[in-house]
Amino acid sequence: MPQLLRVQNFSVSQDGIGAGENQTFERPFGDTVEPWELMSWAGATASWPNRTDPGGTRGIDDYFTRDFTHNIGAEIMGRNKFGYQRGPWTDHEWQGWWGDEPPFHTPVFVLTHHLRPSFTLGETTFHFLDATPAEAAEKAKAAADGKDVRIGGGVSTVREFLDADLIDTLHIAVAPVTYGKGLRLWNSPAELEDRFEHEVVLSPSGVTHHLFWRK
C-alpha cells in the first residue's frame, strides 16, 4: 500500500477560515476565531481523546473522531500550530501547547526557519525542520514506518502542501459559523475539484464533512 499524505478532521468556518490573525499565547487561534466553535462537533463525540466524563455522541462525527489516528505514523505541522513564538527561539523550556502527553503519539515534524533540538514528550517526539513541503514529506514518510503522514495544519501549512500538489486525501469539517476575516483555506471547496473527487456528508450536529481524494 502506498503511503498517503492526509489532511484529517481539519475544521473551518462556512467562509473557509480556519484561524484568525494576531496569534498570542492566550489566543492560539488568533483574534476573531473561537476554536470551540470550529471543533465542538469533535469535542461532543464519545471518542474525543480529551473526554473526561462518560457519554458523548455517536454517529458520523464520532466515526471521524475515531479515524483521526488510524494508520498515521507521523505528522507535519507549521510552527504556528506548535506554539505562538516568532523568530529565533528564546525559550527552549517552553515545549508547545500540547502538555506532557501530546495527542499525536508519533514523530511530529514542525516546519520553521529557526531550528531547535528535538525533544520527546510522552510518546511524541518533535523535530524541527527548515525544509520545503516535498523535503518534509520525505522525512516524515521515512519516520512513519510505512504508515500514512498527517498534514496537521494550520491553514498556511495545508495550503503549502496543496500548492505543492502533495496531498492525497482531505477531510475538512465545515462548522456552521462565519467569521469574515482570518486565514482562509478556500473561498469554496469547489476550488479543489480539478484534482480531487469530492463528496459531502451532512451531520445532525450541523457540521458538513467534505471528503476529497485524488482523481
C-alpha atoms as a PDB file:
ATOM      1  CA  MET A   1       0.000   0.000   0.000  1.00  0.00           C
ATOM      2  CA  PRO A   2       1.362   3.459  -0.864  1.00  0.00           C
ATOM      3  CA  GLN A   3       1.928   5.919   1.949  1.00  0.00           C
ATOM      4  CA  LEU A   4      -0.570   8.772   1.826  1.00  0.00           C
ATOM      5  CA  LEU A   5      -0.342  12.386   2.920  1.00  0.00           C
ATOM      6  CA  ARG A   6      -3.670  13.096   4.642  1.00  0.00           C
ATOM      7  CA  VAL A   7      -5.449  16.132   5.998  1.00  0.00           C
ATOM      8  CA  GLN A   8      -7.915  14.890   8.591  1.00  0.00           C
ATOM      9  CA  ASN A   9     -10.519  16.426  10.928  1.00  0.00           C
ATOM     10  CA  PHE A  10      -9.459  19.907   9.820  1.00  0.00           C
ATOM     11  CA  SER A  11     -12.175  22.404  10.726  1.00  0.00           C
ATOM     12  CA  VAL A  12     -13.025  25.680   9.011  1.00  0.00           C
ATOM     13  CA  SER A  13     -15.907  28.128   9.047  1.00  0.00           C
ATOM     14  CA  GLN A  14     -18.547  28.407   6.339  1.00  0.00           C
ATOM     15  CA  ASP A  15     -16.409  31.090   4.697  1.00  0.00           C
ATOM     16  CA  GLY A  16     -13.351  28.839   4.733  1.00  0.00           C
ATOM     17  CA  ILE A  17     -11.490  30.386   7.689  1.00  0.00           C
ATOM     18  CA  GLY A  18      -9.502  28.070   9.940  1.00  0.00           C
ATOM     19  CA  ALA A  19      -7.684  30.572  12.166  1.00  0.00           C
ATOM     20  CA  GLY A  20      -7.599  34.254  12.990  1.00  0.00           C
ATOM     21  CA  GLU A  21      -4.733  36.693  12.842  1.00  0.00           C
ATOM     22  CA  ASN A  22      -2.608  38.090  15.693  1.00  0.00           C
ATOM     23  CA  GLN A  23      -1.986  34.752  17.423  1.00  0.00           C
ATOM     24  CA  THR A  24      -0.928  35.002  21.082  1.00  0.00           C
ATOM     25  CA  PHE A  25      -0.311  32.618  23.968  1.00  0.00           C
ATOM     26  CA  GLU A  26      -3.781  33.401  25.302  1.00  0.00           C
ATOM     27  CA  ARG A  27      -5.454  33.025  21.876  1.00  0.00           C
ATOM     28  CA  PRO A  28      -3.794  30.160  19.949  1.00  0.00           C
ATOM     29  CA  PHE A  29      -6.302  30.562  17.087  1.00  0.00           C
ATOM     30  CA  GLY A  30      -5.784  34.321  16.878  1.00  0.00           C
ATOM     31  CA  ASP A  31      -8.406  37.020  17.139  1.00  0.00           C
ATOM     32  CA  THR A  32     -11.972  36.643  15.780  1.00  0.00           C
ATOM     33  CA  VAL A  33     -11.833  32.812  15.668  1.00  0.00           C
ATOM     34  CA  GLU A  34     -13.103  30.680  18.549  1.00  0.00           C
ATOM     35  CA  PRO A  35     -11.674  27.124  18.416  1.00  0.00           C
ATOM     36  CA  TRP A  36     -14.621  25.672  20.336  1.00  0.00           C
ATOM     37  CA  GLU A  37     -16.957  26.920  17.595  1.00  0.00           C
ATOM     38  CA  LEU A  38     -14.929  25.134  14.919  1.00  0.00           C
ATOM     39  CA  MET A  39     -14.255  21.943  16.871  1.00  0.00           C
ATOM     40  CA  SER A  40     -17.342  21.458  19.062  1.00  0.00           C
ATOM     41  CA  TRP A  41     -18.554  18.707  16.716  1.00  0.00           C
ATOM     42  CA  ALA A  42     -15.490  16.590  17.610  1.00  0.00           C
ATOM     43  CA  GLY A  43     -15.418  17.515  21.285  1.00  0.00           C
ATOM     44  CA  ALA A  44     -19.006  16.299  21.691  1.00  0.00           C
ATOM     45  CA  THR A  45     -18.244  12.780  20.450  1.00  0.00           C
ATOM     46  CA  ALA A  46     -17.774   9.670  22.567  1.00  0.00           C
ATOM     47  CA  SER A  47     -14.313   9.137  21.063  1.00  0.00           C
ATOM     48  CA  TRP A  48     -12.909  12.615  21.749  1.00  0.00           C
ATOM     49  CA  PRO A  49      -9.474  11.800  23.267  1.00  0.00           C
ATOM     50  CA  ASN A  50      -9.681  14.539  25.911  1.00  0.00           C
ATOM     51  CA  ARG A  51     -13.075  13.434  27.206  1.00  0.00           C
ATOM     52  CA  THR A  52     -13.012  13.034  30.980  1.00  0.00           C
ATOM     53  CA  ASP A  53     -16.673  12.182  31.532  1.00  0.00           C
ATOM     54  CA  PRO A  54     -18.702   9.269  30.161  1.00  0.00           C
ATOM     55  CA  GLY A  55     -21.112   9.673  27.274  1.00  0.00           C
ATOM     56  CA  GLY A  56     -20.707  11.663  24.098  1.00  0.00           C
ATOM     57  CA  THR A  57     -22.337  11.344  20.702  1.00  0.00           C
ATOM     58  CA  ARG A  58     -22.038   8.513  18.232  1.00  0.00           C
ATOM     59  CA  GLY A  59     -22.737   8.588  14.506  1.00  0.00           C
ATOM     60  CA  ILE A  60     -20.816  10.199  11.660  1.00  0.00           C
ATOM     61  CA  ASP A  61     -18.959  12.786  13.787  1.00  0.00           C
ATOM     62  CA  ASP A  62     -17.738  10.060  16.129  1.00  0.00           C
ATOM     63  CA  TYR A  63     -16.596   7.996  13.146  1.00  0.00           C
ATOM     64  CA  PHE A  64     -14.288  10.803  12.018  1.00  0.00           C
ATOM     65  CA  THR A  65     -13.009  11.383  15.553  1.00  0.00           C
ATOM     66  CA  ARG A  66     -12.125   7.685  15.869  1.00  0.00           C
ATOM     67  CA  ASP A  67     -10.440   7.687  12.463  1.00  0.00           C
ATOM     68  CA  PHE A  68      -8.075  10.533  13.379  1.00  0.00           C
ATOM     69  CA  THR A  69      -5.207   8.242  14.393  1.00  0.00           C
ATOM     70  CA  HIS A  70      -5.931   5.322  12.046  1.00  0.00           C
ATOM     71  CA  ASN A  71      -2.745   4.267  10.198  1.00  0.00           C
ATOM     72  CA  ILE A  72      -0.956   7.541  10.996  1.00  0.00           C
ATOM     73  CA  GLY A  73       2.782   7.143  11.520  1.00  0.00           C
ATOM     74  CA  ALA A  74       3.920  10.787  11.577  1.00  0.00           C
ATOM     75  CA  GLU A  75       2.572  14.330  11.482  1.00  0.00           C
ATOM     76  CA  ILE A  76       3.740  17.547   9.828  1.00  0.00           C
ATOM     77  CA  MET A  77       2.651  20.869  11.300  1.00  0.00           C
ATOM     78  CA  GLY A  78       3.542  24.506  10.906  1.00  0.00           C
ATOM     79  CA  ARG A  79       5.314  26.426  13.627  1.00  0.00           C
ATOM     80  CA  ASN A  80       2.146  28.360  14.496  1.00  0.00           C
ATOM     81  CA  LYS A  81       0.369  25.118  15.372  1.00  0.00           C
ATOM     82  CA  PHE A  82       3.225  24.170  17.669  1.00  0.00           C
ATOM     83  CA  GLY A  83       3.354  27.488  19.503  1.00  0.00           C
ATOM     84  CA  TYR A  84       2.961  31.247  19.468  1.00  0.00           C
ATOM     85  CA  GLN A  85       6.651  32.320  19.424  1.00  0.00           C
ATOM     86  CA  ARG A  86       8.088  34.065  16.370  1.00  0.00           C
ATOM     87  CA  GLY A  87      11.663  34.438  15.145  1.00  0.00           C
ATOM     88  CA  PRO A  88      14.604  32.749  16.898  1.00  0.00           C
ATOM     89  CA  TRP A  89      13.663  30.565  19.839  1.00  0.00           C
ATOM     90  CA  THR A  90      14.188  32.453  23.090  1.00  0.00           C
ATOM     91  CA  ASP A  91      12.731  29.873  25.464  1.00  0.00           C
ATOM     92  CA  HIS A  92      13.571  26.193  24.927  1.00  0.00           C
ATOM     93  CA  GLU A  93      11.913  25.348  28.228  1.00  0.00           C
ATOM     94  CA  TRP A  94       8.502  26.040  26.687  1.00  0.00           C
ATOM     95  CA  GLN A  95       7.569  22.928  24.689  1.00  0.00           C
ATOM     96  CA  GLY A  96       4.380  23.834  22.899  1.00  0.00           C
ATOM     97  CA  TRP A  97       0.688  23.859  23.695  1.00  0.00           C
ATOM     98  CA  TRP A  98       0.316  20.096  23.913  1.00  0.00           C
ATOM     99  CA  GLY A  99       1.121  19.310  27.542  1.00  0.00           C
ATOM    100  CA  ASP A 100       3.128  16.413  28.961  1.00  0.00           C
ATOM    101  CA  GLU A 101       1.286  13.821  26.832  1.00  0.00           C
ATOM    102  CA  PRO A 102       0.605  15.295  23.373  1.00  0.00           C
ATOM    103  CA  PRO A 103      -2.187  13.627  21.391  1.00  0.00           C
ATOM    104  CA  PHE A 104      -0.017  12.597  18.430  1.00  0.00           C
ATOM    105  CA  HIS A 105       1.916   9.546  19.734  1.00  0.00           C
ATOM    106  CA  THR A 106       4.142   9.662  16.629  1.00  0.00           C
ATOM    107  CA  PRO A 107       7.089  11.665  15.346  1.00  0.00           C
ATOM    108  CA  VAL A 108       5.959  15.257  14.620  1.00  0.00           C
ATOM    109  CA  PHE A 109       7.856  17.468  12.171  1.00  0.00           C
ATOM    110  CA  VAL A 110       7.465  21.201  12.834  1.00  0.00           C
ATOM    111  CA  LEU A 111       8.242  23.453   9.867  1.00  0.00           C
ATOM    112  CA  THR A 112      10.256  26.512  10.896  1.00  0.00           C
ATOM    113  CA  HIS A 113      13.098  28.701   9.640  1.00  0.00           C
ATOM    114  CA  HIS A 114      14.569  28.659  13.155  1.00  0.00           C
ATOM    115  CA  LEU A 115      15.800  25.238  14.211  1.00  0.00           C
ATOM    116  CA  ARG A 116      15.968  23.860  17.739  1.00  0.00           C
ATOM    117  CA  PRO A 117      16.878  20.418  19.153  1.00  0.00           C
ATOM    118  CA  SER A 118      14.342  17.605  19.000  1.00  0.00           C
ATOM    119  CA  PHE A 119      12.642  16.575  22.237  1.00  0.00           C
ATOM    120  CA  THR A 120      10.207  13.906  23.402  1.00  0.00           C
ATOM    121  CA  LEU A 121       7.050  14.272  25.475  1.00  0.00           C
ATOM    122  CA  GLY A 122       5.309  11.001  26.305  1.00  0.00           C
ATOM    123  CA  GLU A 123       5.054   9.011  23.064  1.00  0.00           C
ATOM    124  CA  THR A 124       5.574  12.053  20.805  1.00  0.00           C
ATOM    125  CA  THR A 125       8.920  13.326  19.524  1.00  0.00           C
ATOM    126  CA  PHE A 126       9.030  16.817  17.994  1.00  0.00           C
ATOM    127  CA  HIS A 127      11.574  17.518  15.249  1.00  0.00           C
ATOM    128  CA  PHE A 128      12.142  20.976  13.771  1.00  0.00           C
ATOM    129  CA  LEU A 129      12.773  21.318  10.032  1.00  0.00           C
ATOM    130  CA  ASP A 130      13.684  24.157   7.715  1.00  0.00           C
ATOM    131  CA  ALA A 131      12.534  22.352   4.581  1.00  0.00           C
ATOM    132  CA  THR A 132      10.299  22.537   1.537  1.00  0.00           C
ATOM    133  CA  PRO A 133       6.997  20.637   1.661  1.00  0.00           C
ATOM    134  CA  ALA A 134       8.482  17.900  -0.548  1.00  0.00           C
ATOM    135  CA  GLU A 135      11.559  17.545   1.671  1.00  0.00           C
ATOM    136  CA  ALA A 136       9.437  17.458   4.827  1.00  0.00           C
ATOM    137  CA  ALA A 137       7.145  14.848   3.288  1.00  0.00           C
ATOM    138  CA  GLU A 138      10.064  12.564   2.529  1.00  0.00           C
ATOM    139  CA  LYS A 139      11.453  12.828   6.070  1.00  0.00           C
ATOM    140  CA  ALA A 140       8.040  12.216   7.606  1.00  0.00           C
ATOM    141  CA  LYS A 141       7.352   9.225   5.363  1.00  0.00           C
ATOM    142  CA  ALA A 142      10.674   7.689   6.351  1.00  0.00           C
ATOM    143  CA  ALA A 143       9.825   8.146  10.034  1.00  0.00           C
ATOM    144  CA  ALA A 144       6.259   6.822   9.618  1.00  0.00           C
ATOM    145  CA  ASP A 145       7.458   3.244   9.115  1.00  0.00           C
ATOM    146  CA  GLY A 146       5.159   2.520   6.182  1.00  0.00           C
ATOM    147  CA  LYS A 147       2.108   4.276   7.637  1.00  0.00           C
ATOM    148  CA  ASP A 148       0.492   7.487   6.383  1.00  0.00           C
ATOM    149  CA  VAL A 149       1.541  11.048   7.227  1.00  0.00           C
ATOM    150  CA  ARG A 150      -0.985  13.548   8.559  1.00  0.00           C
ATOM    151  CA  ILE A 151      -0.671  17.183   7.467  1.00  0.00           C
ATOM    152  CA  GLY A 152      -1.956  18.667  10.689  1.00  0.00           C
ATOM    153  CA  GLY A 153      -2.054  22.358   9.839  1.00  0.00           C
ATOM    154  CA  GLY A 154      -2.508  25.155  10.384  1.00  0.00           C
ATOM    155  CA  VAL A 155      -4.139  26.763   7.397  1.00  0.00           C
ATOM    156  CA  SER A 156      -0.919  28.060   5.810  1.00  0.00           C
ATOM    157  CA  THR A 157       0.755  24.645   6.038  1.00  0.00           C
ATOM    158  CA  VAL A 158      -2.211  22.850   4.455  1.00  0.00           C
ATOM    159  CA  ARG A 159      -2.229  25.455   1.664  1.00  0.00           C
ATOM    160  CA  GLU A 160       1.525  24.988   1.088  1.00  0.00           C
ATOM    161  CA  PHE A 161       1.124  21.229   0.686  1.00  0.00           C
ATOM    162  CA  LEU A 162      -1.904  21.681  -1.573  1.00  0.00           C
ATOM    163  CA  ASP A 163       0.017  24.177  -3.710  1.00  0.00           C
ATOM    164  CA  ALA A 164       2.872  21.650  -3.961  1.00  0.00           C
ATOM    165  CA  ASP A 165       0.317  19.010  -5.054  1.00  0.00           C
ATOM    166  CA  LEU A 166       1.446  16.594  -2.345  1.00  0.00           C
ATOM    167  CA  ILE A 167      -1.801  15.836  -0.510  1.00  0.00           C
ATOM    168  CA  ASP A 168      -3.637  12.613  -1.343  1.00  0.00           C
ATOM    169  CA  THR A 169      -6.805  12.868   0.779  1.00  0.00           C
ATOM    170  CA  LEU A 170      -8.560  15.556   2.805  1.00  0.00           C
ATOM    171  CA  HIS A 171     -11.332  15.568   5.369  1.00  0.00           C
ATOM    172  CA  ILE A 172     -12.488  19.138   6.021  1.00  0.00           C
ATOM    173  CA  ALA A 173     -15.261  19.772   8.549  1.00  0.00           C
ATOM    174  CA  VAL A 174     -17.179  22.993   7.856  1.00  0.00           C
ATOM    175  CA  ALA A 175     -18.739  24.386  11.025  1.00  0.00           C
ATOM    176  CA  PRO A 176     -21.964  26.444  10.948  1.00  0.00           C
ATOM    177  CA  VAL A 177     -20.257  29.742  11.765  1.00  0.00           C
ATOM    178  CA  THR A 178     -18.946  32.662   9.674  1.00  0.00           C
ATOM    179  CA  TYR A 179     -16.008  34.911  10.624  1.00  0.00           C
ATOM    180  CA  GLY A 180     -15.496  37.244   7.678  1.00  0.00           C
ATOM    181  CA  LYS A 181     -11.738  37.607   8.138  1.00  0.00           C
ATOM    182  CA  GLY A 182      -8.822  35.412   9.093  1.00  0.00           C
ATOM    183  CA  LEU A 183      -6.626  32.747   7.487  1.00  0.00           C
ATOM    184  CA  ARG A 184      -8.671  31.165   4.717  1.00  0.00           C
ATOM    185  CA  LEU A 185      -8.287  27.610   3.448  1.00  0.00           C
ATOM    186  CA  TRP A 186     -10.535  28.265   0.454  1.00  0.00           C
ATOM    187  CA  ASN A 187     -13.199  30.547  -0.934  1.00  0.00           C
ATOM    188  CA  SER A 188     -15.167  27.460  -1.995  1.00  0.00           C
ATOM    189  CA  PRO A 189     -14.465  23.721  -1.737  1.00  0.00           C
ATOM    190  CA  ALA A 190     -15.110  23.558  -5.481  1.00  0.00           C
ATOM    191  CA  GLU A 191     -11.609  25.003  -5.926  1.00  0.00           C
ATOM    192  CA  LEU A 192     -10.175  21.525  -5.277  1.00  0.00           C
ATOM    193  CA  GLU A 193     -12.416  19.627  -7.702  1.00  0.00           C
ATOM    194  CA  ASP A 194      -9.958  19.888 -10.591  1.00  0.00           C
ATOM    195  CA  ARG A 195      -7.624  17.495  -8.736  1.00  0.00           C
ATOM    196  CA  PHE A 196      -9.852  15.652  -6.274  1.00  0.00           C
ATOM    197  CA  GLU A 197     -13.055  13.680  -6.202  1.00  0.00           C
ATOM    198  CA  HIS A 198     -15.377  15.379  -3.727  1.00  0.00           C
ATOM    199  CA  GLU A 199     -18.208  14.082  -1.571  1.00  0.00           C
ATOM    200  CA  VAL A 200     -20.248  15.910   1.061  1.00  0.00           C
ATOM    201  CA  VAL A 201     -21.723  14.321   4.203  1.00  0.00           C
ATOM    202  CA  LEU A 202     -24.138  16.293   6.392  1.00  0.00           C
ATOM    203  CA  SER A 203     -24.149  15.657  10.138  1.00  0.00           C
ATOM    204  CA  PRO A 204     -27.019  16.157  12.611  1.00  0.00           C
ATOM    205  CA  SER A 205     -24.581  18.310  14.640  1.00  0.00           C
ATOM    206  CA  GLY A 206     -24.782  20.984  11.940  1.00  0.00           C
ATOM    207  CA  VAL A 207     -21.259  20.433  10.624  1.00  0.00           C
ATOM    208  CA  THR A 208     -20.713  19.476   6.969  1.00  0.00           C
ATOM    209  CA  HIS A 209     -17.963  16.958   6.236  1.00  0.00           C
ATOM    210  CA  HIS A 210     -16.144  17.399   2.907  1.00  0.00           C
ATOM    211  CA  LEU A 211     -14.137  14.396   1.702  1.00  0.00           C
ATOM    212  CA  PHE A 212     -11.582  14.678  -1.074  1.00  0.00           C
ATOM    213  CA  TRP A 213      -9.360  12.078  -2.711  1.00  0.00           C
ATOM    214  CA  ARG A 214      -7.150  12.259  -5.764  1.00  0.00           C
ATOM    215  CA  LYS A 215      -8.707  11.618  -9.155  1.00  0.00           C
END
